[in-house]
Amino acid sequence: MHRIALLDDHQSAAARFADWSTLPVEAEVVAFADHVADPDALVARLRGFDVVVAMRERTAFPREVLERLTDLRLLVTTGAANAAIDLDAARDLGVAVTGTGAHGPATAEMTWALILAVARNVPVEDASMRAGGWQHTVGRDLAGATLGVIGLGNLGSAVARVGQAFGMNVVAWSQNLTDDRAAEVGVRRVERDELLRTADVVSIHLKLSDRTRGLLGAPELALMKPTAILVNTSRGPIVDEAALVAALRDGSIHGAGLDVYDTEPLPVDSPLRELRRAVLTPHLGYVTERTYEVFWRDAVADVAAWLSGAPVRVL
C-alpha cells in the first residue's frame, strides 16, 4: 500500500478542500497538523512514506534530508516553486518533485490587511475594547501619503493599484525596474534610498535570493521616516530581523506589519512578539479558501497521476 504524508496541515484543511478518496489505488493518507523542524525528527516521521505533500516552504528538504528518506518517490509542493527543496538532490536520488497552481491575489490582500491594521492601530484598539476601553490611539491617514513598493511584479503591482485607489502617491524600486515598467502600472520609479526616505508606507514584494537577503538592514531602516510603516509579506530574511527589532524598540520607525520571519513558525521567545509597534500574522499571505482549493485539488491530481503511472510535470 502507498503511504502519503501531508505536512504542515495546521488548519486540518487537506481533508476539507480535496477528496483523497478519489485516488486510483488504495493508499494510506496521513495529515500532520504540527511542524517538525529537526531533520532527525522529520526523517523519523516520514519513514515508510513514498509520497509527501509539502505546504509551500514550511518544511525544508535539503540534500542531507532527502538522502535519508529512502522510501520517498514523489514530493509534491503546493505552489509552482519551493526554495526549501533541493531540486538537484531530488533528481540525483530519483525523487520526482512536482507542484500545483495557486491563487494570485491572496497575498496582496493580506498586505493591505497589515497596512491598515498598523496605520489604524487595529490590534491595540481591539484588545482595548475587549478589556472595556475606548479610543486610545490616533490613526494615520493613507490618502495623500506615499506608498513605496519594493518589487513591482504581479503582487507589487496589485498592491500599488490599491494604494492608488486609496489616493496614495505610489513610487517603486527594484534592481531591474525600468521607468517604462513603472509607467505601465501608473507609478514612478525612484532609487531605493529615495523610496526609503520619502515613503510613509514601505511594502516588500521580492523573491528571496542571495541578492535580496538582508536587503534592508540597519543603514536602510535608518533612512526611513520615524512616522513610516514597513510591511513584509514576501520573505523574512529580506529584512534584517535584529535591525528591525531595534528600529521598532527605539521608535526610529512607527511600526511594522509582518507575515514572514527568519524562522517559521516564529519562535515563542522571539522579541518581535513583545513589540506593540509590530502587527504579526503567522504567514497567512496565501492561506485563503480559494488558494487552498487550488493547492489541495491539484495535489490530489498530482498524486493520482503519479500513482496511475501518468507523467507528472517535474520542477
C-alpha atoms as a PDB file:
ATOM      1  CA  MET A   1       0.000   0.000   0.000  1.00  0.00           C
ATOM      2  CA  HIS A   2       1.192   3.501  -0.804  1.00  0.00           C
ATOM      3  CA  ARG A   3       1.614   5.863   2.136  1.00  0.00           C
ATOM      4  CA  ILE A   4       1.084   9.580   1.632  1.00  0.00           C
ATOM      5  CA  ALA A   5       2.152  12.219   4.167  1.00  0.00           C
ATOM      6  CA  LEU A   6       0.579  15.683   4.148  1.00  0.00           C
ATOM      7  CA  LEU A   7       2.824  18.110   6.025  1.00  0.00           C
ATOM      8  CA  ASP A   8       2.086  21.317   7.957  1.00  0.00           C
ATOM      9  CA  ASP A   9      -1.663  20.954   7.626  1.00  0.00           C
ATOM     10  CA  HIS A  10      -2.136  23.366  10.525  1.00  0.00           C
ATOM     11  CA  GLN A  11      -5.814  24.050   9.861  1.00  0.00           C
ATOM     12  CA  SER A  12      -6.630  20.409   9.003  1.00  0.00           C
ATOM     13  CA  ALA A  13      -7.558  21.768   5.594  1.00  0.00           C
ATOM     14  CA  ALA A  14      -6.365  18.893   3.397  1.00  0.00           C
ATOM     15  CA  ALA A  15      -9.474  16.835   4.085  1.00  0.00           C
ATOM     16  CA  ARG A  16     -11.838  19.805   3.696  1.00  0.00           C
ATOM     17  CA  PHE A  17     -10.610  21.144   0.369  1.00  0.00           C
ATOM     18  CA  ALA A  18      -9.952  17.932  -1.589  1.00  0.00           C
ATOM     19  CA  ASP A  19     -11.286  14.399  -1.808  1.00  0.00           C
ATOM     20  CA  TRP A  20      -8.409  11.996  -1.199  1.00  0.00           C
ATOM     21  CA  SER A  21     -10.743   9.002  -1.641  1.00  0.00           C
ATOM     22  CA  THR A  22     -10.594   9.578  -5.408  1.00  0.00           C
ATOM     23  CA  LEU A  23      -7.022   8.267  -5.637  1.00  0.00           C
ATOM     24  CA  PRO A  24      -6.886   5.414  -8.179  1.00  0.00           C
ATOM     25  CA  VAL A  25      -5.300   2.885  -5.836  1.00  0.00           C
ATOM     26  CA  GLU A  26      -5.592   2.066  -2.173  1.00  0.00           C
ATOM     27  CA  ALA A  27      -3.414   4.403  -0.117  1.00  0.00           C
ATOM     28  CA  GLU A  28      -2.962   5.490   3.473  1.00  0.00           C
ATOM     29  CA  VAL A  29      -3.155   9.289   3.710  1.00  0.00           C
ATOM     30  CA  VAL A  30      -1.814  10.812   6.937  1.00  0.00           C
ATOM     31  CA  ALA A  31      -2.111  14.557   7.610  1.00  0.00           C
ATOM     32  CA  PHE A  32       0.219  16.155  10.156  1.00  0.00           C
ATOM     33  CA  ALA A  33      -1.074  19.357  11.740  1.00  0.00           C
ATOM     34  CA  ASP A  34       2.175  20.249  13.523  1.00  0.00           C
ATOM     35  CA  HIS A  35       5.508  21.448  12.153  1.00  0.00           C
ATOM     36  CA  VAL A  36       8.713  19.435  12.516  1.00  0.00           C
ATOM     37  CA  ALA A  37      11.910  21.418  12.005  1.00  0.00           C
ATOM     38  CA  ASP A  38      14.504  19.000  13.364  1.00  0.00           C
ATOM     39  CA  PRO A  39      15.931  16.926  10.475  1.00  0.00           C
ATOM     40  CA  ASP A  40      16.245  13.746  12.540  1.00  0.00           C
ATOM     41  CA  ALA A  41      12.648  14.019  13.738  1.00  0.00           C
ATOM     42  CA  LEU A  42      11.466  14.731  10.200  1.00  0.00           C
ATOM     43  CA  VAL A  43      13.244  11.685   8.796  1.00  0.00           C
ATOM     44  CA  ALA A  44      11.797   9.517  11.559  1.00  0.00           C
ATOM     45  CA  ARG A  45       8.289  10.830  10.868  1.00  0.00           C
ATOM     46  CA  LEU A  46       8.485  10.236   7.128  1.00  0.00           C
ATOM     47  CA  ARG A  47       9.979   6.764   7.255  1.00  0.00           C
ATOM     48  CA  GLY A  48       7.832   4.442   5.166  1.00  0.00           C
ATOM     49  CA  PHE A  49       6.089   7.201   3.179  1.00  0.00           C
ATOM     50  CA  ASP A  50       6.671   7.052  -0.573  1.00  0.00           C
ATOM     51  CA  VAL A  51       4.690  10.264  -1.261  1.00  0.00           C
ATOM     52  CA  VAL A  52       4.972  13.552   0.632  1.00  0.00           C
ATOM     53  CA  VAL A  53       2.914  16.705   0.046  1.00  0.00           C
ATOM     54  CA  ALA A  54       4.708  19.771   1.421  1.00  0.00           C
ATOM     55  CA  MET A  55       2.981  23.070   2.152  1.00  0.00           C
ATOM     56  CA  ARG A  56       4.976  25.733   0.305  1.00  0.00           C
ATOM     57  CA  GLU A  57       8.239  26.442   2.137  1.00  0.00           C
ATOM     58  CA  ARG A  58       7.224  25.306   5.588  1.00  0.00           C
ATOM     59  CA  THR A  59       9.411  22.190   5.773  1.00  0.00           C
ATOM     60  CA  ALA A  60      12.920  22.112   4.334  1.00  0.00           C
ATOM     61  CA  PHE A  61      14.143  19.227   2.180  1.00  0.00           C
ATOM     62  CA  PRO A  62      17.899  19.725   1.752  1.00  0.00           C
ATOM     63  CA  ARG A  63      20.098  17.010   0.282  1.00  0.00           C
ATOM     64  CA  GLU A  64      21.043  15.611   3.689  1.00  0.00           C
ATOM     65  CA  VAL A  65      17.369  15.002   4.492  1.00  0.00           C
ATOM     66  CA  LEU A  66      16.406  13.660   1.069  1.00  0.00           C
ATOM     67  CA  GLU A  67      19.298  11.179   1.144  1.00  0.00           C
ATOM     68  CA  ARG A  68      17.858   9.655   4.323  1.00  0.00           C
ATOM     69  CA  LEU A  69      14.286   9.409   3.008  1.00  0.00           C
ATOM     70  CA  THR A  70      14.964   6.181   1.175  1.00  0.00           C
ATOM     71  CA  ASP A  71      11.263   5.356   0.700  1.00  0.00           C
ATOM     72  CA  LEU A  72      10.369   8.690  -0.895  1.00  0.00           C
ATOM     73  CA  ARG A  73       9.477   8.626  -4.585  1.00  0.00           C
ATOM     74  CA  LEU A  74       7.196  11.650  -5.105  1.00  0.00           C
ATOM     75  CA  LEU A  75       7.402  15.054  -3.435  1.00  0.00           C
ATOM     76  CA  VAL A  76       4.544  17.457  -4.185  1.00  0.00           C
ATOM     77  CA  THR A  77       4.790  21.099  -3.177  1.00  0.00           C
ATOM     78  CA  THR A  78       1.813  23.401  -3.052  1.00  0.00           C
ATOM     79  CA  GLY A  79       2.550  26.282  -5.396  1.00  0.00           C
ATOM     80  CA  ALA A  80       4.668  26.284  -8.506  1.00  0.00           C
ATOM     81  CA  ALA A  81       8.041  26.568  -6.758  1.00  0.00           C
ATOM     82  CA  ASN A  82       9.587  25.800  -3.393  1.00  0.00           C
ATOM     83  CA  ALA A  83      13.000  27.190  -2.461  1.00  0.00           C
ATOM     84  CA  ALA A  84      13.150  24.848   0.548  1.00  0.00           C
ATOM     85  CA  ILE A  85      13.514  21.768  -1.682  1.00  0.00           C
ATOM     86  CA  ASP A  86      16.922  20.856  -3.119  1.00  0.00           C
ATOM     87  CA  LEU A  87      15.773  20.007  -6.635  1.00  0.00           C
ATOM     88  CA  ASP A  88      19.228  18.868  -7.775  1.00  0.00           C
ATOM     89  CA  ALA A  89      19.422  16.394  -4.903  1.00  0.00           C
ATOM     90  CA  ALA A  90      15.919  15.131  -5.644  1.00  0.00           C
ATOM     91  CA  ARG A  91      16.846  14.489  -9.281  1.00  0.00           C
ATOM     92  CA  ASP A  92      20.040  12.710  -8.245  1.00  0.00           C
ATOM     93  CA  LEU A  93      18.068  10.479  -5.887  1.00  0.00           C
ATOM     94  CA  GLY A  94      15.260   9.703  -8.320  1.00  0.00           C
ATOM     95  CA  VAL A  95      12.596  11.616  -6.409  1.00  0.00           C
ATOM     96  CA  ALA A  96      10.046  13.301  -8.675  1.00  0.00           C
ATOM     97  CA  VAL A  97       9.148  16.813  -7.499  1.00  0.00           C
ATOM     98  CA  THR A  98       6.019  18.496  -8.819  1.00  0.00           C
ATOM     99  CA  GLY A  99       3.884  21.482  -7.868  1.00  0.00           C
ATOM    100  CA  THR A 100       0.387  22.898  -8.001  1.00  0.00           C
ATOM    101  CA  GLY A 101      -1.364  26.019  -9.165  1.00  0.00           C
ATOM    102  CA  ALA A 102      -2.110  28.962  -6.869  1.00  0.00           C
ATOM    103  CA  HIS A 103      -4.497  31.874  -6.368  1.00  0.00           C
ATOM    104  CA  GLY A 104      -2.597  35.082  -7.054  1.00  0.00           C
ATOM    105  CA  PRO A 105      -4.464  37.917  -5.283  1.00  0.00           C
ATOM    106  CA  ALA A 106      -4.365  36.464  -1.767  1.00  0.00           C
ATOM    107  CA  THR A 107      -1.008  37.861  -0.641  1.00  0.00           C
ATOM    108  CA  ALA A 108      -1.727  41.341  -1.978  1.00  0.00           C
ATOM    109  CA  GLU A 109      -4.948  41.348   0.042  1.00  0.00           C
ATOM    110  CA  MET A 110      -3.021  40.292   3.148  1.00  0.00           C
ATOM    111  CA  THR A 111      -0.569  43.122   2.576  1.00  0.00           C
ATOM    112  CA  TRP A 112      -3.382  45.644   2.797  1.00  0.00           C
ATOM    113  CA  ALA A 113      -4.802  43.971   5.893  1.00  0.00           C
ATOM    114  CA  LEU A 114      -1.453  44.603   7.592  1.00  0.00           C
ATOM    115  CA  ILE A 115      -1.047  48.156   6.283  1.00  0.00           C
ATOM    116  CA  LEU A 116      -4.473  49.118   7.596  1.00  0.00           C
ATOM    117  CA  ALA A 117      -4.009  47.262  10.880  1.00  0.00           C
ATOM    118  CA  VAL A 118      -0.796  49.171  11.624  1.00  0.00           C
ATOM    119  CA  ALA A 119      -1.992  52.533  10.321  1.00  0.00           C
ATOM    120  CA  ARG A 120      -5.237  52.445  12.322  1.00  0.00           C
ATOM    121  CA  ASN A 121      -3.889  50.566  15.374  1.00  0.00           C
ATOM    122  CA  VAL A 122      -6.488  47.831  14.949  1.00  0.00           C
ATOM    123  CA  PRO A 123      -4.952  45.168  17.261  1.00  0.00           C
ATOM    124  CA  VAL A 124      -4.371  47.661  20.075  1.00  0.00           C
ATOM    125  CA  GLU A 125      -7.885  49.092  19.874  1.00  0.00           C
ATOM    126  CA  ASP A 126      -9.441  45.639  19.550  1.00  0.00           C
ATOM    127  CA  ALA A 127      -7.651  44.475  22.707  1.00  0.00           C
ATOM    128  CA  SER A 128      -8.695  47.678  24.496  1.00  0.00           C
ATOM    129  CA  MET A 129     -12.346  47.231  23.517  1.00  0.00           C
ATOM    130  CA  ARG A 130     -12.385  43.665  24.811  1.00  0.00           C
ATOM    131  CA  ALA A 131     -10.931  44.917  28.096  1.00  0.00           C
ATOM    132  CA  GLY A 132     -13.630  47.583  28.420  1.00  0.00           C
ATOM    133  CA  GLY A 133     -11.676  50.507  26.985  1.00  0.00           C
ATOM    134  CA  TRP A 134     -12.493  53.127  24.362  1.00  0.00           C
ATOM    135  CA  GLN A 135     -10.325  55.171  21.943  1.00  0.00           C
ATOM    136  CA  HIS A 136      -6.678  55.090  22.965  1.00  0.00           C
ATOM    137  CA  THR A 137      -4.869  55.824  19.711  1.00  0.00           C
ATOM    138  CA  VAL A 138      -4.891  58.234  16.776  1.00  0.00           C
ATOM    139  CA  GLY A 139      -4.658  56.606  13.357  1.00  0.00           C
ATOM    140  CA  ARG A 140      -2.535  57.606  10.381  1.00  0.00           C
ATOM    141  CA  ASP A 141      -4.060  58.764   7.100  1.00  0.00           C
ATOM    142  CA  LEU A 142      -3.257  56.954   3.862  1.00  0.00           C
ATOM    143  CA  ALA A 143      -4.910  59.335   1.394  1.00  0.00           C
ATOM    144  CA  GLY A 144      -2.229  61.751   0.237  1.00  0.00           C
ATOM    145  CA  ALA A 145       0.577  59.688   1.782  1.00  0.00           C
ATOM    146  CA  THR A 146       3.348  57.972  -0.196  1.00  0.00           C
ATOM    147  CA  LEU A 147       3.405  54.222  -0.712  1.00  0.00           C
ATOM    148  CA  GLY A 148       6.810  52.787  -1.599  1.00  0.00           C
ATOM    149  CA  VAL A 149       6.634  49.397  -3.313  1.00  0.00           C
ATOM    150  CA  ILE A 150       9.843  47.366  -3.375  1.00  0.00           C
ATOM    151  CA  GLY A 151       9.361  44.911  -6.228  1.00  0.00           C
ATOM    152  CA  LEU A 152       6.818  45.674  -8.936  1.00  0.00           C
ATOM    153  CA  GLY A 153       5.920  42.195 -10.132  1.00  0.00           C
ATOM    154  CA  ASN A 154       2.394  40.806 -10.066  1.00  0.00           C
ATOM    155  CA  LEU A 155       1.983  41.194  -6.302  1.00  0.00           C
ATOM    156  CA  GLY A 156       3.709  44.553  -6.066  1.00  0.00           C
ATOM    157  CA  SER A 157       1.627  45.889  -8.937  1.00  0.00           C
ATOM    158  CA  ALA A 158      -1.599  44.738  -7.277  1.00  0.00           C
ATOM    159  CA  VAL A 159      -0.602  46.426  -4.019  1.00  0.00           C
ATOM    160  CA  ALA A 160       0.311  49.602  -5.933  1.00  0.00           C
ATOM    161  CA  ARG A 161      -3.106  49.756  -7.597  1.00  0.00           C
ATOM    162  CA  VAL A 162      -4.895  49.504  -4.263  1.00  0.00           C
ATOM    163  CA  GLY A 163      -2.684  52.288  -2.947  1.00  0.00           C
ATOM    164  CA  GLN A 164      -3.754  54.427  -5.882  1.00  0.00           C
ATOM    165  CA  ALA A 165      -7.399  53.659  -5.084  1.00  0.00           C
ATOM    166  CA  PHE A 166      -6.771  54.980  -1.565  1.00  0.00           C
ATOM    167  CA  GLY A 167      -5.459  58.203  -3.095  1.00  0.00           C
ATOM    168  CA  MET A 168      -1.822  57.495  -2.289  1.00  0.00           C
ATOM    169  CA  ASN A 169       1.200  58.664  -4.235  1.00  0.00           C
ATOM    170  CA  VAL A 170       2.927  55.430  -5.290  1.00  0.00           C
ATOM    171  CA  VAL A 171       6.632  55.037  -6.024  1.00  0.00           C
ATOM    172  CA  ALA A 172       8.522  51.822  -6.719  1.00  0.00           C
ATOM    173  CA  TRP A 173      12.018  50.368  -6.850  1.00  0.00           C
ATOM    174  CA  SER A 174      13.706  47.100  -7.604  1.00  0.00           C
ATOM    175  CA  GLN A 175      17.106  46.342  -9.024  1.00  0.00           C
ATOM    176  CA  ASN A 176      15.812  45.716 -12.554  1.00  0.00           C
ATOM    177  CA  LEU A 177      12.806  48.045 -12.587  1.00  0.00           C
ATOM    178  CA  THR A 178      12.626  50.399 -15.570  1.00  0.00           C
ATOM    179  CA  ASP A 179      10.787  53.678 -15.998  1.00  0.00           C
ATOM    180  CA  ASP A 180       8.652  52.083 -18.702  1.00  0.00           C
ATOM    181  CA  ARG A 181       7.582  49.184 -16.492  1.00  0.00           C
ATOM    182  CA  ALA A 182       6.726  51.553 -13.642  1.00  0.00           C
ATOM    183  CA  ALA A 183       4.709  53.725 -16.025  1.00  0.00           C
ATOM    184  CA  GLU A 184       2.686  50.683 -17.122  1.00  0.00           C
ATOM    185  CA  VAL A 185       1.430  50.388 -13.535  1.00  0.00           C
ATOM    186  CA  GLY A 186       0.971  54.139 -13.218  1.00  0.00           C
ATOM    187  CA  VAL A 187       3.700  54.633 -10.624  1.00  0.00           C
ATOM    188  CA  ARG A 188       7.015  56.463 -10.557  1.00  0.00           C
ATOM    189  CA  ARG A 189      10.345  54.641 -10.401  1.00  0.00           C
ATOM    190  CA  VAL A 190      12.794  56.003  -7.854  1.00  0.00           C
ATOM    191  CA  GLU A 191      16.084  54.820  -6.418  1.00  0.00           C
ATOM    192  CA  ARG A 192      15.939  52.664  -3.312  1.00  0.00           C
ATOM    193  CA  ASP A 193      17.257  55.259  -0.878  1.00  0.00           C
ATOM    194  CA  GLU A 194      14.819  57.882  -2.135  1.00  0.00           C
ATOM    195  CA  LEU A 195      11.961  55.440  -1.666  1.00  0.00           C
ATOM    196  CA  LEU A 196      13.029  54.698   1.892  1.00  0.00           C
ATOM    197  CA  ARG A 197      13.458  58.382   2.757  1.00  0.00           C
ATOM    198  CA  THR A 198      10.136  59.557   1.319  1.00  0.00           C
ATOM    199  CA  ALA A 199       7.640  56.701   1.735  1.00  0.00           C
ATOM    200  CA  ASP A 200       5.087  56.704   4.523  1.00  0.00           C
ATOM    201  CA  VAL A 201       4.445  53.007   3.901  1.00  0.00           C
ATOM    202  CA  VAL A 202       7.127  50.645   2.534  1.00  0.00           C
ATOM    203  CA  SER A 203       5.856  47.291   1.252  1.00  0.00           C
ATOM    204  CA  ILE A 204       8.190  44.489   0.145  1.00  0.00           C
ATOM    205  CA  HIS A 205       7.371  42.199  -2.796  1.00  0.00           C
ATOM    206  CA  LEU A 206      10.588  40.444  -3.792  1.00  0.00           C
ATOM    207  CA  LYS A 207      11.704  36.844  -4.043  1.00  0.00           C
ATOM    208  CA  LEU A 208      14.333  35.756  -1.544  1.00  0.00           C
ATOM    209  CA  SER A 209      17.729  35.274  -3.186  1.00  0.00           C
ATOM    210  CA  ASP A 210      21.385  35.967  -2.481  1.00  0.00           C
ATOM    211  CA  ARG A 211      20.781  39.422  -3.943  1.00  0.00           C
ATOM    212  CA  THR A 212      17.801  40.271  -1.733  1.00  0.00           C
ATOM    213  CA  ARG A 213      18.787  38.585   1.545  1.00  0.00           C
ATOM    214  CA  GLY A 214      19.413  41.326   4.102  1.00  0.00           C
ATOM    215  CA  LEU A 215      18.412  43.994   1.582  1.00  0.00           C
ATOM    216  CA  LEU A 216      17.021  46.178   4.357  1.00  0.00           C
ATOM    217  CA  GLY A 217      19.429  46.322   7.277  1.00  0.00           C
ATOM    218  CA  ALA A 218      20.162  48.916   9.933  1.00  0.00           C
ATOM    219  CA  PRO A 219      21.517  51.561   7.488  1.00  0.00           C
ATOM    220  CA  GLU A 220      18.478  51.232   5.218  1.00  0.00           C
ATOM    221  CA  LEU A 221      15.962  51.277   8.074  1.00  0.00           C
ATOM    222  CA  ALA A 222      17.670  54.410   9.413  1.00  0.00           C
ATOM    223  CA  LEU A 223      16.716  56.196   6.183  1.00  0.00           C
ATOM    224  CA  MET A 224      13.004  55.727   6.848  1.00  0.00           C
ATOM    225  CA  LYS A 225      10.814  58.375   8.444  1.00  0.00           C
ATOM    226  CA  PRO A 226      10.073  57.951  12.157  1.00  0.00           C
ATOM    227  CA  THR A 227       6.408  58.012  11.100  1.00  0.00           C
ATOM    228  CA  ALA A 228       6.833  55.291   8.442  1.00  0.00           C
ATOM    229  CA  ILE A 229       5.357  51.800   8.365  1.00  0.00           C
ATOM    230  CA  LEU A 230       7.222  48.763   6.994  1.00  0.00           C
ATOM    231  CA  VAL A 231       5.238  45.778   5.719  1.00  0.00           C
ATOM    232  CA  ASN A 232       6.773  42.458   4.687  1.00  0.00           C
ATOM    233  CA  THR A 233       4.633  39.690   3.190  1.00  0.00           C
ATOM    234  CA  SER A 234       7.432  38.267   1.000  1.00  0.00           C
ATOM    235  CA  ARG A 235      10.182  36.502   2.953  1.00  0.00           C
ATOM    236  CA  GLY A 236      11.550  37.288   6.393  1.00  0.00           C
ATOM    237  CA  PRO A 237      15.292  37.314   5.640  1.00  0.00           C
ATOM    238  CA  ILE A 238      14.890  40.174   3.136  1.00  0.00           C
ATOM    239  CA  VAL A 239      14.827  42.392   6.243  1.00  0.00           C
ATOM    240  CA  ASP A 240      17.496  42.133   8.940  1.00  0.00           C
ATOM    241  CA  GLU A 241      15.269  40.989  11.792  1.00  0.00           C
ATOM    242  CA  ALA A 242      17.562  42.178  14.593  1.00  0.00           C
ATOM    243  CA  ALA A 243      17.853  45.610  12.974  1.00  0.00           C
ATOM    244  CA  LEU A 244      14.075  45.801  12.623  1.00  0.00           C
ATOM    245  CA  VAL A 245      13.558  44.910  16.278  1.00  0.00           C
ATOM    246  CA  ALA A 246      15.988  47.679  17.236  1.00  0.00           C
ATOM    247  CA  ALA A 247      14.231  50.206  14.985  1.00  0.00           C
ATOM    248  CA  LEU A 248      10.851  49.368  16.474  1.00  0.00           C
ATOM    249  CA  ARG A 249      12.155  49.486  20.027  1.00  0.00           C
ATOM    250  CA  ASP A 250      13.777  52.909  19.687  1.00  0.00           C
ATOM    251  CA  GLY A 251      10.920  54.346  17.628  1.00  0.00           C
ATOM    252  CA  SER A 252      13.021  55.161  14.594  1.00  0.00           C
ATOM    253  CA  ILE A 253      10.088  53.836  12.527  1.00  0.00           C
ATOM    254  CA  HIS A 254       6.442  53.983  13.544  1.00  0.00           C
ATOM    255  CA  GLY A 255       5.524  50.353  13.091  1.00  0.00           C
ATOM    256  CA  ALA A 256       5.709  47.157  11.066  1.00  0.00           C
ATOM    257  CA  GLY A 257       3.260  44.638   9.678  1.00  0.00           C
ATOM    258  CA  LEU A 258       4.902  41.237   9.330  1.00  0.00           C
ATOM    259  CA  ASP A 259       3.620  37.985   7.879  1.00  0.00           C
ATOM    260  CA  VAL A 260       7.034  36.356   7.328  1.00  0.00           C
ATOM    261  CA  TYR A 261      10.040  35.698   9.562  1.00  0.00           C
ATOM    262  CA  ASP A 262      13.598  34.397   9.587  1.00  0.00           C
ATOM    263  CA  THR A 263      12.428  31.236  11.365  1.00  0.00           C
ATOM    264  CA  GLU A 264       8.921  29.856  10.886  1.00  0.00           C
ATOM    265  CA  PRO A 265       6.949  29.134  12.948  1.00  0.00           C
ATOM    266  CA  LEU A 266       8.155  32.232  14.813  1.00  0.00           C
ATOM    267  CA  PRO A 267       9.936  31.098  17.998  1.00  0.00           C
ATOM    268  CA  VAL A 268       7.954  31.642  21.185  1.00  0.00           C
ATOM    269  CA  ASP A 269      10.771  33.733  22.646  1.00  0.00           C
ATOM    270  CA  SER A 270      11.169  35.988  19.601  1.00  0.00           C
ATOM    271  CA  PRO A 271      11.498  39.648  20.656  1.00  0.00           C
ATOM    272  CA  LEU A 272       9.053  40.553  17.906  1.00  0.00           C
ATOM    273  CA  ARG A 273       6.248  39.062  19.981  1.00  0.00           C
ATOM    274  CA  GLU A 274       6.838  41.685  22.686  1.00  0.00           C
ATOM    275  CA  LEU A 275       6.651  44.761  20.435  1.00  0.00           C
ATOM    276  CA  ARG A 276       3.347  46.624  20.342  1.00  0.00           C
ATOM    277  CA  ARG A 277       4.605  48.549  17.319  1.00  0.00           C
ATOM    278  CA  ALA A 278       4.515  45.326  15.285  1.00  0.00           C
ATOM    279  CA  VAL A 279       1.397  43.636  13.940  1.00  0.00           C
ATOM    280  CA  LEU A 280       2.231  39.952  13.478  1.00  0.00           C
ATOM    281  CA  THR A 281       0.436  37.281  11.457  1.00  0.00           C
ATOM    282  CA  PRO A 282       1.592  33.656  11.008  1.00  0.00           C
ATOM    283  CA  HIS A 283       2.435  33.619   7.268  1.00  0.00           C
ATOM    284  CA  LEU A 284      -1.179  33.865   6.176  1.00  0.00           C
ATOM    285  CA  GLY A 285      -0.495  35.540   2.839  1.00  0.00           C
ATOM    286  CA  TYR A 286      -1.648  32.571   0.773  1.00  0.00           C
ATOM    287  CA  VAL A 287      -3.890  30.992   3.413  1.00  0.00           C
ATOM    288  CA  THR A 288      -7.337  31.579   1.907  1.00  0.00           C
ATOM    289  CA  GLU A 289     -10.171  29.309   0.858  1.00  0.00           C
ATOM    290  CA  ARG A 290      -9.636  29.793  -2.866  1.00  0.00           C
ATOM    291  CA  THR A 291      -5.898  29.227  -2.577  1.00  0.00           C
ATOM    292  CA  TYR A 292      -6.368  26.056  -0.570  1.00  0.00           C
ATOM    293  CA  GLU A 293      -8.956  24.802  -3.027  1.00  0.00           C
ATOM    294  CA  VAL A 294      -6.344  25.065  -5.774  1.00  0.00           C
ATOM    295  CA  PHE A 295      -3.483  23.716  -3.653  1.00  0.00           C
ATOM    296  CA  TRP A 296      -5.203  20.594  -2.384  1.00  0.00           C
ATOM    297  CA  ARG A 297      -7.203  19.849  -5.543  1.00  0.00           C
ATOM    298  CA  ASP A 298      -4.034  19.969  -7.631  1.00  0.00           C
ATOM    299  CA  ALA A 299      -2.088  17.985  -5.042  1.00  0.00           C
ATOM    300  CA  VAL A 300      -4.637  15.156  -5.256  1.00  0.00           C
ATOM    301  CA  ALA A 301      -4.457  15.301  -9.065  1.00  0.00           C
ATOM    302  CA  ASP A 302      -0.637  15.171  -8.994  1.00  0.00           C
ATOM    303  CA  VAL A 303      -0.576  12.171  -6.667  1.00  0.00           C
ATOM    304  CA  ALA A 304      -3.316  10.401  -8.638  1.00  0.00           C
ATOM    305  CA  ALA A 305      -1.438  10.887 -11.925  1.00  0.00           C
ATOM    306  CA  TRP A 306       1.779   9.531 -10.420  1.00  0.00           C
ATOM    307  CA  LEU A 307       0.015   6.531  -8.891  1.00  0.00           C
ATOM    308  CA  SER A 308      -1.553   5.786 -12.285  1.00  0.00           C
ATOM    309  CA  GLY A 309       1.819   5.858 -13.976  1.00  0.00           C
ATOM    310  CA  ALA A 310       0.987   9.015 -15.923  1.00  0.00           C
ATOM    311  CA  PRO A 311       3.700  11.632 -16.467  1.00  0.00           C
ATOM    312  CA  VAL A 312       3.826  14.468 -13.953  1.00  0.00           C
ATOM    313  CA  ARG A 313       5.274  17.924 -14.517  1.00  0.00           C
ATOM    314  CA  VAL A 314       8.642  17.837 -12.788  1.00  0.00           C
ATOM    315  CA  LEU A 315      10.028  21.027 -11.267  1.00  0.00           C
END
